[in-house]
Amino acid sequence: MTERFRKLSISVPEDVAERLERESNTSAFLVDTVRARMRLENLTTMHEEFGITVTPEGVARARARRAAVEAEWTPERRAAVRERARQGARDKGITSARPSAA
């Protein structure tokens, strides 16, 4: 089934227009951006359905916890974990983590 499209004419502030002009495919950029917003709205609705209240304070705490964890992962630690994963794959005879083109 093919997706139906509608042509729209919109008015935007100058700074937004300047940003959109930098895109090679403005329509695709807008579709991606609006769909990301729609996913966020759906997530918010799901939270509400399960009785989860998301507050600015809770978001700040979660961001702080994530930043602390991210700070523990130095580039060297990331490289070591990546190499262990690659070695594990080689040990199992896996030569590429990427699927070959069909």
PDB file of N, CA and C in Angstrom:
ATOM      1  N   MET A   1       0.840  -1.176   0.000  1.00  0.00           N
ATOM      2  CA  MET A   1       0.000   0.000   0.000  1.00  0.00           C
ATOM      3  C   MET A   1       0.884   1.238   0.000  1.00  0.00           C
ATOM      4  N   THR A   2       0.594   2.143  -0.899  1.00  0.00           N
ATOM      5  CA  THR A   2       1.402   3.351  -0.971  1.00  0.00           C
ATOM      6  C   THR A   2       0.829   4.425  -0.067  1.00  0.00           C
ATOM      7  N   GLU A   3       1.713   5.219   0.446  1.00  0.00           N
ATOM      8  CA  GLU A   3       1.315   6.290   1.346  1.00  0.00           C
ATOM      9  C   GLU A   3       0.778   7.463   0.532  1.00  0.00           C
ATOM     10  N   ARG A   4      -0.287   8.053   1.007  1.00  0.00           N
ATOM     11  CA  ARG A   4      -0.871   9.208   0.327  1.00  0.00           C
ATOM     12  C   ARG A   4      -0.206  10.476   0.844  1.00  0.00           C
ATOM     13  N   PHE A   5      -0.072  11.436  -0.021  1.00  0.00           N
ATOM     14  CA  PHE A   5       0.563  12.698   0.328  1.00  0.00           C
ATOM     15  C   PHE A   5      -0.367  13.853   0.022  1.00  0.00           C
ATOM     16  N   ARG A   6      -0.183  14.933   0.786  1.00  0.00           N
ATOM     17  CA  ARG A   6      -0.895  16.176   0.540  1.00  0.00           C
ATOM     18  C   ARG A   6       0.120  17.298   0.451  1.00  0.00           C
ATOM     19  N   LYS A   7      -0.103  18.193  -0.455  1.00  0.00           N
ATOM     20  CA  LYS A   7       0.782  19.349  -0.592  1.00  0.00           C
ATOM     21  C   LYS A   7       0.257  20.467   0.294  1.00  0.00           C
ATOM     22  N   LEU A   8       1.147  21.048   1.094  1.00  0.00           N
ATOM     23  CA  LEU A   8       0.778  22.122   1.999  1.00  0.00           C
ATOM     24  C   LEU A   8       1.624  23.359   1.708  1.00  0.00           C
ATOM     25  N   SER A   9       1.055  24.497   1.980  1.00  0.00           N
ATOM     26  CA  SER A   9       1.795  25.747   1.928  1.00  0.00           C
ATOM     27  C   SER A   9       1.807  26.282   3.351  1.00  0.00           C
ATOM     28  N   ILE A  10       2.990  26.516   3.904  1.00  0.00           N
ATOM     29  CA  ILE A  10       3.079  26.939   5.298  1.00  0.00           C
ATOM     30  C   ILE A  10       3.844  28.247   5.408  1.00  0.00           C
ATOM     31  N   SER A  11       3.581  28.961   6.481  1.00  0.00           N
ATOM     32  CA  SER A  11       4.319  30.176   6.805  1.00  0.00           C
ATOM     33  C   SER A  11       5.112  29.896   8.074  1.00  0.00           C
ATOM     34  N   VAL A  12       6.386  30.237   8.053  1.00  0.00           N
ATOM     35  CA  VAL A  12       7.257  29.988   9.203  1.00  0.00           C
ATOM     36  C   VAL A  12       8.075  31.237   9.497  1.00  0.00           C
ATOM     37  N   PRO A  13       8.540  31.374  10.742  1.00  0.00           N
ATOM     38  CA  PRO A  13       9.410  32.508  11.072  1.00  0.00           C
ATOM     39  C   PRO A  13      10.712  32.440  10.266  1.00  0.00           C
ATOM     40  N   GLU A  14      11.357  33.571  10.139  1.00  0.00           N
ATOM     41  CA  GLU A  14      12.571  33.691   9.331  1.00  0.00           C
ATOM     42  C   GLU A  14      13.661  32.695   9.748  1.00  0.00           C
ATOM     43  N   ASP A  15      13.883  32.521  11.063  1.00  0.00           N
ATOM     44  CA  ASP A  15      14.945  31.614  11.505  1.00  0.00           C
ATOM     45  C   ASP A  15      14.627  30.173  11.115  1.00  0.00           C
ATOM     46  N   VAL A  16      13.355  29.809  11.163  1.00  0.00           N
ATOM     47  CA  VAL A  16      12.961  28.456  10.768  1.00  0.00           C
ATOM     48  C   VAL A  16      13.137  28.293   9.255  1.00  0.00           C
ATOM     49  N   ALA A  17      12.757  29.307   8.500  1.00  0.00           N
ATOM     50  CA  ALA A  17      12.925  29.254   7.047  1.00  0.00           C
ATOM     51  C   ALA A  17      14.393  29.075   6.671  1.00  0.00           C
ATOM     52  N   GLU A  18      15.262  29.805   7.363  1.00  0.00           N
ATOM     53  CA  GLU A  18      16.700  29.690   7.086  1.00  0.00           C
ATOM     54  C   GLU A  18      17.198  28.281   7.375  1.00  0.00           C
ATOM     55  N   ARG A  19      16.703  27.699   8.459  1.00  0.00           N
ATOM     56  CA  ARG A  19      17.110  26.327   8.798  1.00  0.00           C
ATOM     57  C   ARG A  19      16.617  25.337   7.748  1.00  0.00           C
ATOM     58  N   LEU A  20      15.369  25.486   7.332  1.00  0.00           N
ATOM     59  CA  LEU A  20      14.800  24.569   6.335  1.00  0.00           C
ATOM     60  C   LEU A  20      15.510  24.684   4.989  1.00  0.00           C
ATOM     61  N   GLU A  21      15.972  25.874   4.659  1.00  0.00           N
ATOM     62  CA  GLU A  21      16.669  26.082   3.390  1.00  0.00           C
ATOM     63  C   GLU A  21      17.992  25.326   3.318  1.00  0.00           C
ATOM     64  N   ARG A  22      18.540  24.928   4.462  1.00  0.00           N
ATOM     65  CA  ARG A  22      19.797  24.172   4.468  1.00  0.00           C
ATOM     66  C   ARG A  22      19.574  22.695   4.164  1.00  0.00           C
ATOM     67  N   GLU A  23      18.328  22.248   4.163  1.00  0.00           N
ATOM     68  CA  GLU A  23      18.014  20.844   3.909  1.00  0.00           C
ATOM     69  C   GLU A  23      17.920  20.571   2.411  1.00  0.00           C
ATOM     70  N   SER A  24      18.483  19.438   1.986  1.00  0.00           N
ATOM     71  CA  SER A  24      18.370  19.076   0.575  1.00  0.00           C
ATOM     72  C   SER A  24      16.964  18.589   0.245  1.00  0.00           C
ATOM     73  N   ASN A  25      16.266  18.011   1.244  1.00  0.00           N
ATOM     74  CA  ASN A  25      14.897  17.539   1.048  1.00  0.00           C
ATOM     75  C   ASN A  25      14.068  18.031   2.234  1.00  0.00           C
ATOM     76  N   THR A  26      13.527  19.220   2.084  1.00  0.00           N
ATOM     77  CA  THR A  26      12.780  19.839   3.173  1.00  0.00           C
ATOM     78  C   THR A  26      11.582  19.006   3.586  1.00  0.00           C
ATOM     79  N   SER A  27      10.884  18.425   2.624  1.00  0.00           N
ATOM     80  CA  SER A  27       9.704  17.617   2.949  1.00  0.00           C
ATOM     81  C   SER A  27      10.088  16.431   3.827  1.00  0.00           C
ATOM     82  N   ALA A  28      11.146  15.717   3.463  1.00  0.00           N
ATOM     83  CA  ALA A  28      11.584  14.559   4.251  1.00  0.00           C
ATOM     84  C   ALA A  28      12.009  15.001   5.650  1.00  0.00           C
ATOM     85  N   PHE A  29      12.712  16.132   5.733  1.00  0.00           N
ATOM     86  CA  PHE A  29      13.136  16.659   7.031  1.00  0.00           C
ATOM     87  C   PHE A  29      11.929  16.955   7.913  1.00  0.00           C
ATOM     88  N   LEU A  30      10.926  17.616   7.350  1.00  0.00           N
ATOM     89  CA  LEU A  30       9.727  17.945   8.120  1.00  0.00           C
ATOM     90  C   LEU A  30       8.965  16.694   8.533  1.00  0.00           C
ATOM     91  N   VAL A  31       8.856  15.719   7.626  1.00  0.00           N
ATOM     92  CA  VAL A  31       8.164  14.469   7.959  1.00  0.00           C
ATOM     93  C   VAL A  31       8.872  13.777   9.114  1.00  0.00           C
ATOM     94  N   ASP A  32      10.199  13.656   9.038  1.00  0.00           N
ATOM     95  CA  ASP A  32      10.963  13.008  10.108  1.00  0.00           C
ATOM     96  C   ASP A  32      10.790  13.742  11.437  1.00  0.00           C
ATOM     97  N   THR A  33      10.842  15.064  11.382  1.00  0.00           N
ATOM     98  CA  THR A  33      10.726  15.870  12.592  1.00  0.00           C
ATOM     99  C   THR A  33       9.338  15.744  13.223  1.00  0.00           C
ATOM    100  N   VAL A  34       8.309  15.823  12.407  1.00  0.00           N
ATOM    101  CA  VAL A  34       6.943  15.726  12.935  1.00  0.00           C
ATOM    102  C   VAL A  34       6.675  14.319  13.457  1.00  0.00           C
ATOM    103  N   ARG A  35       7.166  13.295  12.758  1.00  0.00           N
ATOM    104  CA  ARG A  35       6.953  11.922  13.240  1.00  0.00           C
ATOM    105  C   ARG A  35       7.675  11.685  14.560  1.00  0.00           C
ATOM    106  N   ALA A  36       8.852  12.277  14.738  1.00  0.00           N
ATOM    107  CA  ALA A  36       9.550  12.156  16.028  1.00  0.00           C
ATOM    108  C   ALA A  36       8.711  12.790  17.129  1.00  0.00           C
ATOM    109  N   ARG A  37       8.105  13.920  16.836  1.00  0.00           N
ATOM    110  CA  ARG A  37       7.234  14.588  17.811  1.00  0.00           C
ATOM    111  C   ARG A  37       6.014  13.724  18.114  1.00  0.00           C
ATOM    112  N   MET A  38       5.467  13.080  17.076  1.00  0.00           N
ATOM    113  CA  MET A  38       4.308  12.202  17.261  1.00  0.00           C
ATOM    114  C   MET A  38       4.668  11.015  18.154  1.00  0.00           C
ATOM    115  N   ARG A  39       5.877  10.454  17.963  1.00  0.00           N
ATOM    116  CA  ARG A  39       6.320   9.341  18.818  1.00  0.00           C
ATOM    117  C   ARG A  39       6.428   9.792  20.263  1.00  0.00           C
ATOM    118  N   LEU A  40       6.942  10.988  20.481  1.00  0.00           N
ATOM    119  CA  LEU A  40       7.049  11.537  21.832  1.00  0.00           C
ATOM    120  C   LEU A  40       5.664  11.708  22.448  1.00  0.00           C
ATOM    121  N   GLU A  41       4.738  12.223  21.669  1.00  0.00           N
ATOM    122  CA  GLU A  41       3.361  12.378  22.167  1.00  0.00           C
ATOM    123  C   GLU A  41       2.754  11.026  22.514  1.00  0.00           C
ATOM    124  N   ASN A  42       3.006  10.019  21.674  1.00  0.00           N
ATOM    125  CA  ASN A  42       2.491   8.671  21.954  1.00  0.00           C
ATOM    126  C   ASN A  42       3.111   8.112  23.227  1.00  0.00           C
ATOM    127  N   LEU A  43       4.395   8.371  23.435  1.00  0.00           N
ATOM    128  CA  LEU A  43       5.063   7.905  24.638  1.00  0.00           C
ATOM    129  C   LEU A  43       4.458   8.559  25.873  1.00  0.00           C
ATOM    130  N   THR A  44       4.190   9.836  25.768  1.00  0.00           N
ATOM    131  CA  THR A  44       3.565  10.550  26.884  1.00  0.00           C
ATOM    132  C   THR A  44       2.196   9.952  27.196  1.00  0.00           C
ATOM    133  N   THR A  45       1.428   9.644  26.171  1.00  0.00           N
ATOM    134  CA  THR A  45       0.114   9.027  26.361  1.00  0.00           C
ATOM    135  C   THR A  45       0.258   7.662  27.027  1.00  0.00           C
ATOM    136  N   MET A  46       1.232   6.871  26.601  1.00  0.00           N
ATOM    137  CA  MET A  46       1.467   5.557  27.211  1.00  0.00           C
ATOM    138  C   MET A  46       1.826   5.705  28.680  1.00  0.00           C
ATOM    139  N   HIS A  47       2.684   6.670  28.991  1.00  0.00           N
ATOM    140  CA  HIS A  47       3.034   6.904  30.396  1.00  0.00           C
ATOM    141  C   HIS A  47       1.783   7.194  31.209  1.00  0.00           C
ATOM    142  N   GLU A  48       0.946   8.055  30.695  1.00  0.00           N
ATOM    143  CA  GLU A  48      -0.286   8.416  31.401  1.00  0.00           C
ATOM    144  C   GLU A  48      -1.172   7.195  31.601  1.00  0.00           C
ATOM    145  N   GLU A  49      -1.290   6.346  30.570  1.00  0.00           N
ATOM    146  CA  GLU A  49      -2.128   5.149  30.671  1.00  0.00           C
ATOM    147  C   GLU A  49      -1.638   4.197  31.753  1.00  0.00           C
ATOM    148  N   PHE A  50      -0.326   4.174  31.988  1.00  0.00           N
ATOM    149  CA  PHE A  50       0.243   3.291  33.008  1.00  0.00           C
ATOM    150  C   PHE A  50       0.440   3.993  34.345  1.00  0.00           C
ATOM    151  N   GLY A  51      -0.063   5.215  34.441  1.00  0.00           N
ATOM    152  CA  GLY A  51       0.021   5.942  35.708  1.00  0.00           C
ATOM    153  C   GLY A  51       1.400   6.490  36.011  1.00  0.00           C
ATOM    154  N   ILE A  52       2.206   6.662  34.995  1.00  0.00           N
ATOM    155  CA  ILE A  52       3.554   7.204  35.189  1.00  0.00           C
ATOM    156  C   ILE A  52       3.507   8.708  34.945  1.00  0.00           C
ATOM    157  N   THR A  53       3.936   9.466  35.931  1.00  0.00           N
ATOM    158  CA  THR A  53       3.976  10.911  35.803  1.00  0.00           C
ATOM    159  C   THR A  53       5.418  11.331  35.541  1.00  0.00           C
ATOM    160  N   VAL A  54       5.624  11.993  34.425  1.00  0.00           N
ATOM    161  CA  VAL A  54       6.956  12.487  34.085  1.00  0.00           C
ATOM    162  C   VAL A  54       6.998  13.958  34.471  1.00  0.00           C
ATOM    163  N   THR A  55       7.929  14.282  35.371  1.00  0.00           N
ATOM    164  CA  THR A  55       8.074  15.664  35.843  1.00  0.00           C
ATOM    165  C   THR A  55       9.417  16.223  35.386  1.00  0.00           C
ATOM    166  N   PRO A  56       9.536  17.531  35.315  1.00  0.00           N
ATOM    167  CA  PRO A  56      10.837  18.121  34.974  1.00  0.00           C
ATOM    168  C   PRO A  56      11.939  17.692  35.952  1.00  0.00           C
ATOM    169  N   GLU A  57      11.572  17.546  37.229  1.00  0.00           N
ATOM    170  CA  GLU A  57      12.562  17.127  38.225  1.00  0.00           C
ATOM    171  C   GLU A  57      13.021  15.694  37.962  1.00  0.00           C
ATOM    172  N   GLY A  58      12.071  14.832  37.625  1.00  0.00           N
ATOM    173  CA  GLY A  58      12.415  13.446  37.320  1.00  0.00           C
ATOM    174  C   GLY A  58      13.288  13.335  36.087  1.00  0.00           C
ATOM    175  N   VAL A  59      12.970  14.141  35.082  1.00  0.00           N
ATOM    176  CA  VAL A  59      13.788  14.159  33.864  1.00  0.00           C
ATOM    177  C   VAL A  59      15.200  14.631  34.195  1.00  0.00           C
ATOM    178  N   ALA A  60      15.320  15.660  35.014  1.00  0.00           N
ATOM    179  CA  ALA A  60      16.641  16.173  35.406  1.00  0.00           C
ATOM    180  C   ALA A  60      17.439  15.106  36.153  1.00  0.00           C
ATOM    181  N   ARG A  61      16.775  14.367  37.072  1.00  0.00           N
ATOM    182  CA  ARG A  61      17.469  13.295  37.801  1.00  0.00           C
ATOM    183  C   ARG A  61      17.934  12.197  36.847  1.00  0.00           C
ATOM    184  N   ALA A  62      17.081  11.825  35.910  1.00  0.00           N
ATOM    185  CA  ALA A  62      17.444  10.777  34.953  1.00  0.00           C
ATOM    186  C   ALA A  62      18.616  11.226  34.087  1.00  0.00           C
ATOM    187  N   ARG A  63      18.590  12.471  33.652  1.00  0.00           N
ATOM    188  CA  ARG A  63      19.705  12.995  32.839  1.00  0.00           C
ATOM    189  C   ARG A  63      21.006  13.010  33.637  1.00  0.00           C
ATOM    190  N   ALA A  64      20.918  13.371  34.907  1.00  0.00           N
ATOM    191  CA  ALA A  64      22.113  13.397  35.755  1.00  0.00           C
ATOM    192  C   ALA A  64      22.671  11.990  35.941  1.00  0.00           C
ATOM    193  N   ARG A  65      21.784  11.006  36.157  1.00  0.00           N
ATOM    194  CA  ARG A  65      22.245   9.617  36.302  1.00  0.00           C
ATOM    195  C   ARG A  65      22.903   9.138  35.014  1.00  0.00           C
ATOM    196  N   ARG A  66      22.290   9.477  33.879  1.00  0.00           N
ATOM    197  CA  ARG A  66      22.865   9.057  32.600  1.00  0.00           C
ATOM    198  C   ARG A  66      24.227   9.710  32.378  1.00  0.00           C
ATOM    199  N   ALA A  67      24.338  10.977  32.700  1.00  0.00           N
ATOM    200  CA  ALA A  67      25.620  11.681  32.543  1.00  0.00           C
ATOM    201  C   ALA A  67      26.696  11.043  33.406  1.00  0.00           C
ATOM    202  N   ALA A  68      26.327  10.625  34.620  1.00  0.00           N
ATOM    203  CA  ALA A  68      27.297   9.981  35.507  1.00  0.00           C
ATOM    204  C   ALA A  68      27.771   8.660  34.912  1.00  0.00           C
ATOM    205  N   VAL A  69      26.859   7.891  34.368  1.00  0.00           N
ATOM    206  CA  VAL A  69      27.233   6.615  33.745  1.00  0.00           C
ATOM    207  C   VAL A  69      28.087   6.864  32.510  1.00  0.00           C
ATOM    208  N   GLU A  70      27.669   7.826  31.683  1.00  0.00           N
ATOM    209  CA  GLU A  70      28.441   8.160  30.472  1.00  0.00           C
ATOM    210  C   GLU A  70      29.865   8.570  30.833  1.00  0.00           C
ATOM    211  N   ALA A  71      30.008   9.310  31.944  1.00  0.00           N
ATOM    212  CA  ALA A  71      31.341   9.774  32.360  1.00  0.00           C
ATOM    213  C   ALA A  71      32.243   8.610  32.735  1.00  0.00           C
ATOM    214  N   GLU A  72      31.656   7.523  33.230  1.00  0.00           N
ATOM    215  CA  GLU A  72      32.447   6.346  33.593  1.00  0.00           C
ATOM    216  C   GLU A  72      32.986   5.608  32.367  1.00  0.00           C
ATOM    217  N   TRP A  73      32.317   5.800  31.233  1.00  0.00           N
ATOM    218  CA  TRP A  73      32.719   5.082  30.015  1.00  0.00           C
ATOM    219  C   TRP A  73      33.689   5.937  29.212  1.00  0.00           C
ATOM    220  N   THR A  74      34.966   5.786  29.522  1.00  0.00           N
ATOM    221  CA  THR A  74      36.010   6.504  28.801  1.00  0.00           C
ATOM    222  C   THR A  74      36.141   5.907  27.398  1.00  0.00           C
ATOM    223  N   PRO A  75      36.760   6.641  26.485  1.00  0.00           N
ATOM    224  CA  PRO A  75      36.988   6.080  25.148  1.00  0.00           C
ATOM    225  C   PRO A  75      37.765   4.759  25.204  1.00  0.00           C
ATOM    226  N   GLU A  76      38.693   4.656  26.146  1.00  0.00           N
ATOM    227  CA  GLU A  76      39.473   3.420  26.277  1.00  0.00           C
ATOM    228  C   GLU A  76      38.577   2.258  26.705  1.00  0.00           C
ATOM    229  N   ARG A  77      37.675   2.518  27.637  1.00  0.00           N
ATOM    230  CA  ARG A  77      36.760   1.455  28.080  1.00  0.00           C
ATOM    231  C   ARG A  77      35.849   1.021  26.940  1.00  0.00           C
ATOM    232  N   ARG A  78      35.338   1.971  26.186  1.00  0.00           N
ATOM    233  CA  ARG A  78      34.497   1.642  25.032  1.00  0.00           C
ATOM    234  C   ARG A  78      35.274   0.797  24.020  1.00  0.00           C
ATOM    235  N   ALA A  79      36.507   1.195  23.752  1.00  0.00           N
ATOM    236  CA  ALA A  79      37.333   0.455  22.790  1.00  0.00           C
ATOM    237  C   ALA A  79      37.602  -0.962  23.280  1.00  0.00           C
ATOM    238  N   ALA A  80      37.849  -1.118  24.582  1.00  0.00           N
ATOM    239  CA  ALA A  80      38.116  -2.449  25.140  1.00  0.00           C
ATOM    240  C   ALA A  80      36.890  -3.346  25.021  1.00  0.00           C
ATOM    241  N   VAL A  81      35.716  -2.812  25.321  1.00  0.00           N
ATOM    242  CA  VAL A  81      34.485  -3.600  25.206  1.00  0.00           C
ATOM    243  C   VAL A  81      34.224  -3.955  23.745  1.00  0.00           C
ATOM    244  N   ARG A  82      34.436  -2.998  22.853  1.00  0.00           N
ATOM    245  CA  ARG A  82      34.251  -3.251  21.424  1.00  0.00           C
ATOM    246  C   ARG A  82      35.186  -4.362  20.951  1.00  0.00           C
ATOM    247  N   GLU A  83      36.443  -4.314  21.394  1.00  0.00           N
ATOM    248  CA  GLU A  83      37.402  -5.337  20.977  1.00  0.00           C
ATOM    249  C   GLU A  83      37.032  -6.705  21.538  1.00  0.00           C
ATOM    250  N   ARG A  84      36.560  -6.770  22.801  1.00  0.00           N
ATOM    251  CA  ARG A  84      36.121  -8.056  23.363  1.00  0.00           C
ATOM    252  C   ARG A  84      34.951  -8.626  22.576  1.00  0.00           C
ATOM    253  N   ALA A  85      34.023  -7.759  22.168  1.00  0.00           N
ATOM    254  CA  ALA A  85      32.877  -8.217  21.373  1.00  0.00           C
ATOM    255  C   ALA A  85      33.345  -8.726  20.018  1.00  0.00           C
ATOM    256  N   ARG A  86      34.265  -8.022  19.409  1.00  0.00           N
ATOM    257  CA  ARG A  86      34.788  -8.457  18.103  1.00  0.00           C
ATOM    258  C   ARG A  86      35.541  -9.781  18.230  1.00  0.00           C
ATOM    259  N   GLN A  87      36.327  -9.912  19.306  1.00  0.00           N
ATOM    260  CA  GLN A  87      37.058 -11.161  19.521  1.00  0.00           C
ATOM    261  C   GLN A  87      36.078 -12.312  19.747  1.00  0.00           C
ATOM    262  N   GLY A  88      35.033 -12.076  20.507  1.00  0.00           N
ATOM    263  CA  GLY A  88      34.011 -13.097  20.713  1.00  0.00           C
ATOM    264  C   GLY A  88      33.368 -13.518  19.409  1.00  0.00           C
ATOM    265  N   ALA A  89      33.117 -12.565  18.540  1.00  0.00           N
ATOM    266  CA  ALA A  89      32.541 -12.879  17.227  1.00  0.00           C
ATOM    267  C   ALA A  89      33.529 -13.690  16.400  1.00  0.00           C
ATOM    268  N   ARG A  90      34.801 -13.283  16.429  1.00  0.00           N
ATOM    269  CA  ARG A  90      35.821 -14.044  15.669  1.00  0.00           C
ATOM    270  C   ARG A  90      35.922 -15.464  16.200  1.00  0.00           C
ATOM    271  N   ASP A  91      35.867 -15.631  17.533  1.00  0.00           N
ATOM    272  CA  ASP A  91      35.950 -16.961  18.139  1.00  0.00           C
ATOM    273  C   ASP A  91      34.801 -17.858  17.691  1.00  0.00           C
ATOM    274  N   LYS A  92      33.662 -17.256  17.376  1.00  0.00           N
ATOM    275  CA  LYS A  92      32.499 -18.021  16.924  1.00  0.00           C
ATOM    276  C   LYS A  92      32.453 -18.141  15.401  1.00  0.00           C
ATOM    277  N   GLY A  93      33.467 -17.606  14.730  1.00  0.00           N
ATOM    278  CA  GLY A  93      33.519 -17.706  13.289  1.00  0.00           C
ATOM    279  C   GLY A  93      32.710 -16.649  12.558  1.00  0.00           C
ATOM    280  N   ILE A  94      32.296 -15.621  13.267  1.00  0.00           N
ATOM    281  CA  ILE A  94      31.559 -14.522  12.633  1.00  0.00           C
ATOM    282  C   ILE A  94      32.587 -13.520  12.123  1.00  0.00           C
ATOM    283  N   THR A  95      32.580 -13.287  10.828  1.00  0.00           N
ATOM    284  CA  THR A  95      33.600 -12.413  10.266  1.00  0.00           C
ATOM    285  C   THR A  95      33.147 -10.973  10.109  1.00  0.00           C
ATOM    286  N   SER A  96      31.833 -10.744  10.133  1.00  0.00           N
ATOM    287  CA  SER A  96      31.335  -9.384   9.992  1.00  0.00           C
ATOM    288  C   SER A  96      30.053  -9.239  10.789  1.00  0.00           C
ATOM    289  N   ALA A  97      29.941  -8.128  11.504  1.00  0.00           N
ATOM    290  CA  ALA A  97      28.716  -7.862  12.248  1.00  0.00           C
ATOM    291  C   ALA A  97      27.648  -7.310  11.329  1.00  0.00           C
ATOM    292  N   ARG A  98      28.052  -6.872  10.142  1.00  0.00           N
ATOM    293  CA  ARG A  98      27.105  -6.301   9.193  1.00  0.00           C
ATOM    294  C   ARG A  98      26.633  -7.389   8.238  1.00  0.00           C
ATOM    295  N   PRO A  99      25.324  -7.460   7.973  1.00  0.00           N
ATOM    296  CA  PRO A  99      24.839  -8.457   7.017  1.00  0.00           C
ATOM    297  C   PRO A  99      25.341  -8.131   5.621  1.00  0.00           C
ATOM    298  N   SER A 100      25.597  -9.174   4.866  1.00  0.00           N
ATOM    299  CA  SER A 100      26.070  -8.952   3.502  1.00  0.00           C
ATOM    300  C   SER A 100      24.913  -8.484   2.638  1.00  0.00           C
ATOM    301  N   ALA A 101      25.243  -7.723   1.609  1.00  0.00           N
ATOM    302  CA  ALA A 101      24.212  -7.210   0.696  1.00  0.00           C
ATOM    303  C   ALA A 101      23.649  -8.364  -0.124  1.00  0.00           C
ATOM    304  N   ALA A 102      22.352  -8.395  -0.263  1.00  0.00           N
ATOM    305  CA  ALA A 102      21.708  -9.482  -1.003  1.00  0.00           C
ATOM    306  C   ALA A 102      21.638  -9.191  -2.470  1.00  0.00           C
TER     307      ALA A 102
END
